[in-house]
Amino acid sequence: MVLADLDKRAELTVWPSNGLAHTARGQAFSTLREAIAAAAESIQVDDAQPWILTEDGDILSPRWIMANAAPHRMQ
């Protein structure tokens, strides 16, 4: 992945980490930067399991998201 990829569209799907029913919620973002920020927040606030599908078809796991969500990596 290169920095230019951060300006492409992405879709975020967030799976809850607990509860009886596991219903995912999805949201489209105009940039991968926005999707990564929202995904990282969902991990920290909701203890959720976010997955991102990039415009180029890459699938980013919760571990990848946490490893790359630092602001200095998003510039």
PDB file of N, CA and C in Angstrom:
ATOM      1  N   MET A   1       0.834  -1.158   0.000  1.00  0.00           N
ATOM      2  CA  MET A   1       0.000   0.000   0.000  1.00  0.00           C
ATOM      3  C   MET A   1       0.889   1.235   0.000  1.00  0.00           C
ATOM      4  N   VAL A   2       0.516   2.215  -0.808  1.00  0.00           N
ATOM      5  CA  VAL A   2       1.252   3.475  -0.894  1.00  0.00           C
ATOM      6  C   VAL A   2       0.384   4.606  -0.364  1.00  0.00           C
ATOM      7  N   LEU A   3       0.990   5.752  -0.092  1.00  0.00           N
ATOM      8  CA  LEU A   3       0.246   6.881   0.474  1.00  0.00           C
ATOM      9  C   LEU A   3      -0.941   7.307  -0.392  1.00  0.00           C
ATOM     10  N   ALA A   4      -0.823   7.188  -1.705  1.00  0.00           N
ATOM     11  CA  ALA A   4      -1.925   7.569  -2.591  1.00  0.00           C
ATOM     12  C   ALA A   4      -3.171   6.722  -2.341  1.00  0.00           C
ATOM     13  N   ASP A   5      -2.983   5.496  -1.860  1.00  0.00           N
ATOM     14  CA  ASP A   5      -4.121   4.632  -1.557  1.00  0.00           C
ATOM     15  C   ASP A   5      -4.992   5.202  -0.440  1.00  0.00           C
ATOM     16  N   LEU A   6      -4.409   6.013   0.435  1.00  0.00           N
ATOM     17  CA  LEU A   6      -5.162   6.589   1.545  1.00  0.00           C
ATOM     18  C   LEU A   6      -6.224   7.572   1.079  1.00  0.00           C
ATOM     19  N   ASP A   7      -6.123   8.050  -0.155  1.00  0.00           N
ATOM     20  CA  ASP A   7      -7.097   9.005  -0.684  1.00  0.00           C
ATOM     21  C   ASP A   7      -8.172   8.337  -1.541  1.00  0.00           C
ATOM     22  N   LYS A   8      -8.137   7.015  -1.629  1.00  0.00           N
ATOM     23  CA  LYS A   8      -9.145   6.274  -2.391  1.00  0.00           C
ATOM     24  C   LYS A   8     -10.298   5.862  -1.477  1.00  0.00           C
ATOM     25  N   ARG A   9     -11.419   5.494  -2.094  1.00  0.00           N
ATOM     26  CA  ARG A   9     -12.606   5.083  -1.346  1.00  0.00           C
ATOM     27  C   ARG A   9     -12.353   3.774  -0.592  1.00  0.00           C
ATOM     28  N   ALA A  10     -13.141   3.581   0.464  1.00  0.00           N
ATOM     29  CA  ALA A  10     -13.049   2.344   1.247  1.00  0.00           C
ATOM     30  C   ALA A  10     -14.389   2.094   1.925  1.00  0.00           C
ATOM     31  N   GLU A  11     -14.634   0.838   2.245  1.00  0.00           N
ATOM     32  CA  GLU A  11     -15.853   0.467   2.958  1.00  0.00           C
ATOM     33  C   GLU A  11     -15.466  -0.230   4.257  1.00  0.00           C
ATOM     34  N   LEU A  12     -16.068   0.228   5.332  1.00  0.00           N
ATOM     35  CA  LEU A  12     -15.793  -0.302   6.662  1.00  0.00           C
ATOM     36  C   LEU A  12     -16.964  -1.161   7.117  1.00  0.00           C
ATOM     37  N   THR A  13     -16.673  -2.358   7.590  1.00  0.00           N
ATOM     38  CA  THR A  13     -17.679  -3.209   8.214  1.00  0.00           C
ATOM     39  C   THR A  13     -17.216  -3.486   9.629  1.00  0.00           C
ATOM     40  N   VAL A  14     -18.100  -3.210  10.582  1.00  0.00           N
ATOM     41  CA  VAL A  14     -17.761  -3.380  11.991  1.00  0.00           C
ATOM     42  C   VAL A  14     -18.617  -4.499  12.569  1.00  0.00           C
ATOM     43  N   TRP A  15     -17.938  -5.502  13.102  1.00  0.00           N
ATOM     44  CA  TRP A  15     -18.599  -6.611  13.773  1.00  0.00           C
ATOM     45  C   TRP A  15     -18.453  -6.419  15.274  1.00  0.00           C
ATOM     46  N   PRO A  16     -19.549  -6.529  16.019  1.00  0.00           N
ATOM     47  CA  PRO A  16     -19.435  -6.423  17.481  1.00  0.00           C
ATOM     48  C   PRO A  16     -18.630  -7.598  18.031  1.00  0.00           C
ATOM     49  N   SER A  17     -17.888  -7.366  19.096  1.00  0.00           N
ATOM     50  CA  SER A  17     -17.058  -8.424  19.640  1.00  0.00           C
ATOM     51  C   SER A  17     -17.796  -9.281  20.661  1.00  0.00           C
ATOM     52  N   ASN A  18     -18.938  -8.791  21.135  1.00  0.00           N
ATOM     53  CA  ASN A  18     -19.695  -9.572  22.107  1.00  0.00           C
ATOM     54  C   ASN A  18     -21.184  -9.410  21.861  1.00  0.00           C
ATOM     55  N   GLY A  19     -21.970 -10.098  22.623  1.00  0.00           N
ATOM     56  CA  GLY A  19     -23.415 -10.028  22.482  1.00  0.00           C
ATOM     57  C   GLY A  19     -23.944 -11.300  21.853  1.00  0.00           C
ATOM     58  N   LEU A  20     -25.218 -11.507  22.005  1.00  0.00           N
ATOM     59  CA  LEU A  20     -25.842 -12.715  21.491  1.00  0.00           C
ATOM     60  C   LEU A  20     -25.920 -12.724  19.974  1.00  0.00           C
ATOM     61  N   ALA A  21     -26.330 -11.617  19.405  1.00  0.00           N
ATOM     62  CA  ALA A  21     -26.449 -11.533  17.946  1.00  0.00           C
ATOM     63  C   ALA A  21     -25.236 -10.794  17.392  1.00  0.00           C
ATOM     64  N   HIS A  22     -24.666 -11.333  16.356  1.00  0.00           N
ATOM     65  CA  HIS A  22     -23.522 -10.686  15.719  1.00  0.00           C
ATOM     66  C   HIS A  22     -23.983 -10.084  14.404  1.00  0.00           C
ATOM     67  N   THR A  23     -24.410  -8.839  14.452  1.00  0.00           N
ATOM     68  CA  THR A  23     -24.872  -8.137  13.276  1.00  0.00           C
ATOM     69  C   THR A  23     -23.849  -7.075  12.909  1.00  0.00           C
ATOM     70  N   ALA A  24     -23.361  -7.145  11.696  1.00  0.00           N
ATOM     71  CA  ALA A  24     -22.365  -6.174  11.241  1.00  0.00           C
ATOM     72  C   ALA A  24     -23.061  -4.906  10.777  1.00  0.00           C
ATOM     73  N   ARG A  25     -22.346  -3.798  10.910  1.00  0.00           N
ATOM     74  CA  ARG A  25     -22.837  -2.549  10.318  1.00  0.00           C
ATOM     75  C   ARG A  25     -21.757  -2.041   9.375  1.00  0.00           C
ATOM     76  N   GLY A  26     -22.178  -1.616   8.216  1.00  0.00           N
ATOM     77  CA  GLY A  26     -21.235  -1.154   7.215  1.00  0.00           C
ATOM     78  C   GLY A  26     -21.407   0.312   6.896  1.00  0.00           C
ATOM     79  N   GLN A  27     -20.336   0.913   6.390  1.00  0.00           N
ATOM     80  CA  GLN A  27     -20.376   2.319   6.019  1.00  0.00           C
ATOM     81  C   GLN A  27     -19.316   2.575   4.960  1.00  0.00           C
ATOM     82  N   ALA A  28     -19.697   3.335   3.953  1.00  0.00           N
ATOM     83  CA  ALA A  28     -18.753   3.729   2.908  1.00  0.00           C
ATOM     84  C   ALA A  28     -18.075   5.035   3.303  1.00  0.00           C
ATOM     85  N   PHE A  29     -16.801   5.156   2.953  1.00  0.00           N
ATOM     86  CA  PHE A  29     -16.030   6.372   3.231  1.00  0.00           C
ATOM     87  C   PHE A  29     -15.400   6.857   1.936  1.00  0.00           C
ATOM     88  N   SER A  30     -15.261   8.162   1.822  1.00  0.00           N
ATOM     89  CA  SER A  30     -14.679   8.727   0.602  1.00  0.00           C
ATOM     90  C   SER A  30     -13.164   8.538   0.568  1.00  0.00           C
ATOM     91  N   THR A  31     -12.546   8.312   1.736  1.00  0.00           N
ATOM     92  CA  THR A  31     -11.102   8.029   1.760  1.00  0.00           C
ATOM     93  C   THR A  31     -10.799   6.892   2.734  1.00  0.00           C
ATOM     94  N   LEU A  32      -9.741   6.193   2.440  1.00  0.00           N
ATOM     95  CA  LEU A  32      -9.278   5.140   3.326  1.00  0.00           C
ATOM     96  C   LEU A  32      -8.841   5.718   4.663  1.00  0.00           C
ATOM     97  N   ARG A  33      -8.296   6.935   4.660  1.00  0.00           N
ATOM     98  CA  ARG A  33      -7.899   7.593   5.913  1.00  0.00           C
ATOM     99  C   ARG A  33      -9.067   7.663   6.884  1.00  0.00           C
ATOM    100  N   GLU A  34     -10.224   8.107   6.374  1.00  0.00           N
ATOM    101  CA  GLU A  34     -11.418   8.228   7.215  1.00  0.00           C
ATOM    102  C   GLU A  34     -11.866   6.866   7.730  1.00  0.00           C
ATOM    103  N   ALA A  35     -11.823   5.862   6.869  1.00  0.00           N
ATOM    104  CA  ALA A  35     -12.243   4.517   7.262  1.00  0.00           C
ATOM    105  C   ALA A  35     -11.334   3.958   8.352  1.00  0.00           C
ATOM    106  N   ILE A  36     -10.035   4.162   8.225  1.00  0.00           N
ATOM    107  CA  ILE A  36      -9.090   3.669   9.225  1.00  0.00           C
ATOM    108  C   ILE A  36      -9.314   4.371  10.565  1.00  0.00           C
ATOM    109  N   ALA A  37      -9.540   5.680  10.532  1.00  0.00           N
ATOM    110  CA  ALA A  37      -9.785   6.424  11.774  1.00  0.00           C
ATOM    111  C   ALA A  37     -11.058   5.925  12.459  1.00  0.00           C
ATOM    112  N   ALA A  38     -12.124   5.714  11.696  1.00  0.00           N
ATOM    113  CA  ALA A  38     -13.374   5.214  12.263  1.00  0.00           C
ATOM    114  C   ALA A  38     -13.206   3.792  12.791  1.00  0.00           C
ATOM    115  N   ALA A  39     -12.458   2.983  12.074  1.00  0.00           N
ATOM    116  CA  ALA A  39     -12.221   1.603  12.500  1.00  0.00           C
ATOM    117  C   ALA A  39     -11.438   1.566  13.811  1.00  0.00           C
ATOM    118  N   ALA A  40     -10.388   2.361  13.904  1.00  0.00           N
ATOM    119  CA  ALA A  40      -9.576   2.400  15.125  1.00  0.00           C
ATOM    120  C   ALA A  40     -10.414   2.870  16.309  1.00  0.00           C
ATOM    121  N   GLU A  41     -11.276   3.837  16.079  1.00  0.00           N
ATOM    122  CA  GLU A  41     -12.152   4.320  17.148  1.00  0.00           C
ATOM    123  C   GLU A  41     -13.118   3.229  17.595  1.00  0.00           C
ATOM    124  N   SER A  42     -13.654   2.468  16.649  1.00  0.00           N
ATOM    125  CA  SER A  42     -14.595   1.402  17.016  1.00  0.00           C
ATOM    126  C   SER A  42     -13.906   0.319  17.842  1.00  0.00           C
ATOM    127  N   ILE A  43     -12.636   0.083  17.595  1.00  0.00           N
ATOM    128  CA  ILE A  43     -11.893  -0.901  18.389  1.00  0.00           C
ATOM    129  C   ILE A  43     -11.722  -0.386  19.811  1.00  0.00           C
ATOM    130  N   GLN A  44     -11.346   0.876  19.944  1.00  0.00           N
ATOM    131  CA  GLN A  44     -11.063   1.431  21.264  1.00  0.00           C
ATOM    132  C   GLN A  44     -12.330   1.702  22.065  1.00  0.00           C
ATOM    133  N   VAL A  45     -13.370   2.210  21.426  1.00  0.00           N
ATOM    134  CA  VAL A  45     -14.582   2.598  22.139  1.00  0.00           C
ATOM    135  C   VAL A  45     -15.531   1.417  22.339  1.00  0.00           C
ATOM    136  N   ASP A  46     -15.735   0.629  21.308  1.00  0.00           N
ATOM    137  CA  ASP A  46     -16.732  -0.435  21.342  1.00  0.00           C
ATOM    138  C   ASP A  46     -16.142  -1.834  21.460  1.00  0.00           C
ATOM    139  N   ASP A  47     -14.822  -1.954  21.481  1.00  0.00           N
ATOM    140  CA  ASP A  47     -14.159  -3.260  21.476  1.00  0.00           C
ATOM    141  C   ASP A  47     -14.690  -4.119  20.325  1.00  0.00           C
ATOM    142  N   ALA A  48     -14.846  -3.493  19.171  1.00  0.00           N
ATOM    143  CA  ALA A  48     -15.425  -4.148  17.991  1.00  0.00           C
ATOM    144  C   ALA A  48     -14.336  -4.733  17.100  1.00  0.00           C
ATOM    145  N   GLN A  49     -14.757  -5.439  16.065  1.00  0.00           N
ATOM    146  CA  GLN A  49     -13.853  -6.059  15.103  1.00  0.00           C
ATOM    147  C   GLN A  49     -14.111  -5.459  13.719  1.00  0.00           C
ATOM    148  N   PRO A  50     -13.429  -4.358  13.369  1.00  0.00           N
ATOM    149  CA  PRO A  50     -13.652  -3.733  12.065  1.00  0.00           C
ATOM    150  C   PRO A  50     -12.798  -4.366  10.964  1.00  0.00           C
ATOM    151  N   TRP A  51     -13.369  -4.428   9.795  1.00  0.00           N
ATOM    152  CA  TRP A  51     -12.667  -4.886   8.597  1.00  0.00           C
ATOM    153  C   TRP A  51     -12.892  -3.842   7.525  1.00  0.00           C
ATOM    154  N   ILE A  52     -11.867  -3.558   6.732  1.00  0.00           N
ATOM    155  CA  ILE A  52     -11.967  -2.550   5.675  1.00  0.00           C
ATOM    156  C   ILE A  52     -11.718  -3.210   4.335  1.00  0.00           C
ATOM    157  N   LEU A  53     -12.565  -2.873   3.383  1.00  0.00           N
ATOM    158  CA  LEU A  53     -12.373  -3.281   1.994  1.00  0.00           C
ATOM    159  C   LEU A  53     -11.991  -2.029   1.218  1.00  0.00           C
ATOM    160  N   THR A  54     -10.801  -2.031   0.628  1.00  0.00           N
ATOM    161  CA  THR A  54     -10.328  -0.858  -0.097  1.00  0.00           C
ATOM    162  C   THR A  54     -10.881  -0.831  -1.520  1.00  0.00           C
ATOM    163  N   GLU A  55     -10.753   0.311  -2.145  1.00  0.00           N
ATOM    164  CA  GLU A  55     -11.186   0.472  -3.535  1.00  0.00           C
ATOM    165  C   GLU A  55     -10.485  -0.518  -4.461  1.00  0.00           C
ATOM    166  N   ASP A  56      -9.255  -0.868  -4.139  1.00  0.00           N
ATOM    167  CA  ASP A  56      -8.483  -1.798  -4.964  1.00  0.00           C
ATOM    168  C   ASP A  56      -8.741  -3.264  -4.617  1.00  0.00           C
ATOM    169  N   GLY A  57      -9.623  -3.506  -3.635  1.00  0.00           N
ATOM    170  CA  GLY A  57      -9.983  -4.878  -3.293  1.00  0.00           C
ATOM    171  C   GLY A  57      -9.185  -5.503  -2.164  1.00  0.00           C
ATOM    172  N   ASP A  58      -8.326  -4.724  -1.519  1.00  0.00           N
ATOM    173  CA  ASP A  58      -7.576  -5.247  -0.372  1.00  0.00           C
ATOM    174  C   ASP A  58      -8.503  -5.320   0.839  1.00  0.00           C
ATOM    175  N   ILE A  59      -8.319  -6.345   1.666  1.00  0.00           N
ATOM    176  CA  ILE A  59      -9.081  -6.493   2.892  1.00  0.00           C
ATOM    177  C   ILE A  59      -8.128  -6.263   4.057  1.00  0.00           C
ATOM    178  N   LEU A  60      -8.464  -5.282   4.888  1.00  0.00           N
ATOM    179  CA  LEU A  60      -7.613  -4.913   6.014  1.00  0.00           C
ATOM    180  C   LEU A  60      -8.240  -5.426   7.306  1.00  0.00           C
ATOM    181  N   SER A  61      -7.489  -6.213   8.049  1.00  0.00           N
ATOM    182  CA  SER A  61      -7.981  -6.847   9.273  1.00  0.00           C
ATOM    183  C   SER A  61      -7.894  -5.890  10.465  1.00  0.00           C
ATOM    184  N   PRO A  62      -8.555  -6.233  11.562  1.00  0.00           N
ATOM    185  CA  PRO A  62      -8.441  -5.405  12.769  1.00  0.00           C
ATOM    186  C   PRO A  62      -6.990  -5.241  13.230  1.00  0.00           C
ATOM    187  N   ARG A  63      -6.186  -6.280  13.126  1.00  0.00           N
ATOM    188  CA  ARG A  63      -4.768  -6.174  13.533  1.00  0.00           C
ATOM    189  C   ARG A  63      -4.009  -5.206  12.629  1.00  0.00           C
ATOM    190  N   TRP A  64      -4.264  -5.271  11.327  1.00  0.00           N
ATOM    191  CA  TRP A  64      -3.605  -4.353  10.399  1.00  0.00           C
ATOM    192  C   TRP A  64      -4.020  -2.930  10.729  1.00  0.00           C
ATOM    193  N   ILE A  65      -5.305  -2.736  10.983  1.00  0.00           N
ATOM    194  CA  ILE A  65      -5.822  -1.401  11.281  1.00  0.00           C
ATOM    195  C   ILE A  65      -5.127  -0.823  12.505  1.00  0.00           C
ATOM    196  N   MET A  66      -5.038  -1.587  13.587  1.00  0.00           N
ATOM    197  CA  MET A  66      -4.392  -1.079  14.800  1.00  0.00           C
ATOM    198  C   MET A  66      -2.904  -0.826  14.595  1.00  0.00           C
ATOM    199  N   ALA A  67      -2.259  -1.638  13.791  1.00  0.00           N
ATOM    200  CA  ALA A  67      -0.829  -1.452  13.534  1.00  0.00           C
ATOM    201  C   ALA A  67      -0.550  -0.226  12.680  1.00  0.00           C
ATOM    202  N   ASN A  68      -1.541   0.226  11.910  1.00  0.00           N
ATOM    203  CA  ASN A  68      -1.316   1.312  10.955  1.00  0.00           C
ATOM    204  C   ASN A  68      -2.180   2.546  11.210  1.00  0.00           C
ATOM    205  N   ALA A  69      -2.894   2.598  12.300  1.00  0.00           N
ATOM    206  CA  ALA A  69      -3.802   3.717  12.562  1.00  0.00           C
ATOM    207  C   ALA A  69      -3.135   4.932  13.188  1.00  0.00           C
ATOM    208  N   ALA A  70      -1.889   4.837  13.543  1.00  0.00           N
ATOM    209  CA  ALA A  70      -1.197   5.974  14.170  1.00  0.00           C
ATOM    210  C   ALA A  70      -1.176   7.162  13.207  1.00  0.00           C
ATOM    211  N   PRO A  71      -1.415   8.367  13.713  1.00  0.00           N
ATOM    212  CA  PRO A  71      -1.474   9.548  12.850  1.00  0.00           C
ATOM    213  C   PRO A  71      -0.242   9.738  11.970  1.00  0.00           C
ATOM    214  N   HIS A  72       0.946   9.433  12.463  1.00  0.00           N
ATOM    215  CA  HIS A  72       2.158   9.641  11.661  1.00  0.00           C
ATOM    216  C   HIS A  72       2.186   8.688  10.454  1.00  0.00           C
ATOM    217  N   ARG A  73       1.451   7.584  10.496  1.00  0.00           N
ATOM    218  CA  ARG A  73       1.421   6.658   9.368  1.00  0.00           C
ATOM    219  C   ARG A  73       0.383   7.071   8.326  1.00  0.00           C
ATOM    220  N   MET A  74      -0.484   8.010   8.673  1.00  0.00           N
ATOM    221  CA  MET A  74      -1.570   8.433   7.786  1.00  0.00           C
ATOM    222  C   MET A  74      -1.215   9.660   6.939  1.00  0.00           C
ATOM    223  N   GLN A  75      -0.013  10.130   7.019  1.00  0.00           N
ATOM    224  CA  GLN A  75       0.352  11.351   6.302  1.00  0.00           C
ATOM    225  C   GLN A  75       1.141  11.040   5.066  1.00  0.00           C
TER     226      GLN A  75
END
